[in-house]
Amino acid sequence: MTPALVLVIQLLLCAGSQALRLTSLGSLFEDSALTQNDNDSPPPRDKAAEDNYSYGLDRSFPIQHEILLDDGPFDHDERQRFYDAFMDGCRAREANRQKELCNQAEANRIATNLIQPSKMKNYTQRGYEVTNATTKLVESLKQFWKLNHHHMPSQSHFEVGSTYINHWTTSHFTMNIDDEQYQSNHLRALIWDETKPILEKWAGMELTPSSMFGLQIYTGKTVMPHRVDTLPFVINAIIHVADEIDTPWPIEVYSHDGKARNITLEVGSMLLYEGQSVIVGRPYPMKGQYQAEIFVSFEPLGYSREYDQQQDASKDESSLSSLYSNSLQDWARVTKKTDLTDKTIVPSYMTNSPHIDAYGRWKQDYPKAKLHIEGVITVSVHTAAAEGDLEALKALEKENSDALFKVDENGWTALHEAVRGGHIKVAQYLLSKGLDINFRTHNGTGGSPLWWAKHIHGKDHAMV
C-alpha cells in the first residue's frame, strides 16, 4: 500500500473518530469489546472442509436466531459475548431514543434469514461456486487499482441503527468506477461483459444485469453479519481486487444444505452465489489494512418484469387474488401499503415479510384477516402452520391429504413451524394427522420439533 493511500484514508478516518490511532488504513480503536483474539478466527480451511468438522447455522454468529447454539466448533460463550459486544457498540453510538433502531435492524436481518431462503427458487445444486475471473478482467481491475488507489475514496455513511457492518468501530469506503476522477476506461461495461457468461454457465440460464456497486474497500476489524439479498440481487458475484491483510478474511457461506463453508478469495477469484436464498457473512474481524472487492448482480431474464406485472395486476380489484397467490414476491420491493380496507386476506408479501413490526401493524389494522381467499388457499402448509391458521391447514389437507407432510428445502415440516410459532392447537392437529415429533431437519442432522419446542419455549412450556 502506497503512503499516499495510507494518508488519504487516515485523514478520512481521523475526521470520524477521536479514538483512532493514525497508523494505517486498518487503524485500531480504543474499543476493547471487539479486541481480536484466537476466538475471532474461523476454523482452518482444511478442517472446515471435513464432514465431521462442518457446522450449521447460529454457531459462529446469530443468523436465524439471536441466541447461538452451543454444538459448533467454537467457544460458544466467547462467540456470544462477541455478538453482544457487537450490538452494544451499535447502541452506544446512537442517541437514547434511537438505540432501539439497532435492535430493530437486527430483528429484521434475523427474520429475513429465517423466512426468505426457503421461499426462494434455487437455481443451482449448492447455491455457490468459487471460480476465477477472466484474464482480461483481472488485468483490467489490477490496472484500475494501480492507477486510482491513491485518489481519495468516498467514505460510506450508514443509516441510524444499521448493523450492515460494525461502522461504529471501523470504516468503509467506495470508489465509484464511473467517477471522472478515476481512469476507468469503460470498466463497468467490461465487468458486465466478462462476468455475464461465467454466471450464465453456472446458473444454467440467460441473465440480465441488475446492479453493480463501486469498488468496496473494507478496513481492519470489519465484521459483516450474515444476510440474504433482496430483489434484484438474484445471481451474484464478489470479485476480489486487492488486499493488504495479515490473515485470510473468509466469507462464511451457507449453502442449500444449511452447512457453513468458509471461502477465502484471492486476487482475481470470484464467489458466485444465489443472493436471495444463500446466506453469506463475515463474522470474524478482518486482521490487516484493507480488502477491496467488486460486487455484481444479475437476474434471470424477465424476472423483474414478471414481478412488476404482478404488482400492476394487484391494482385491479378483480385481480387481487394474484397478489395473494404468489408467495415468492419480494417484500423489499413493496413500498406502499395496498388498499385492503374491505379485504380479509393477508397479502403474501406481508406473510413473507421479515419486517415483523410491519406485519404486526398490518394485522392490527385487519385483525380478522386470514391466509386464504374464497376457499382457495394461497399459502403453503409451512406458512399456514407458522401463522397458526388452523382453518387454512384443514383446507389444504382436504385438497391433498399428503400436503401436511411436505418437507421444505431445509428439511422443515409444518410441525416444526407450528412448534416454533408456539401454536399449540395447530401442533396438536398436525400430530393427530401423523406428523413425527422426532423428525429431524437437514437430512437427519438438525433439530426435531420436540427439540425446537424445548429450545425455544423451555421444557415447562405447554407446547412441550
Foldseek 3Di string as FASTA:
>chain_A
DDPLLFVLLLVVVVVPDPQWDSDGLQTFGPDPQLDDDPLLDDDPQVQCPDPVQWDFAQAQAHQQDHQRDDPHPGDRVSSNSSRVSLLVLLLVVDDPVLSVLLVLQVLLQNLLSNQFQLQDDDQADWFKDKFFFDPVLLVLLQVQCVQPSSDRFAWDDDDRNHVQKSCSGHTKTFDALPDPVGPNVVSVVVVCVRCQVVQCVRSVAHKDWDDKGGKIKGFFFIWGDKGADFPPQFKKKKAWADDFADDFQWKWKQILLRITRTDGDDRRMMMIGGRRNMIITGHRTTGGGITIIMMTGIHGPCPVVVLVVLVVQCVDVVSVVSQAQSLNRTLVVDDDDDPQQVHQADGSSLLSRSSVVVNVVVCVSRVNHDQCDPLHHRDALQSCLLVLPQVSNVSVCVVPVCRQVDATSFRDGSLLNNLLNVNQVNNVVSVVSPDDQQRATSVPPHGGSVRSNCVRPNPPDPSD
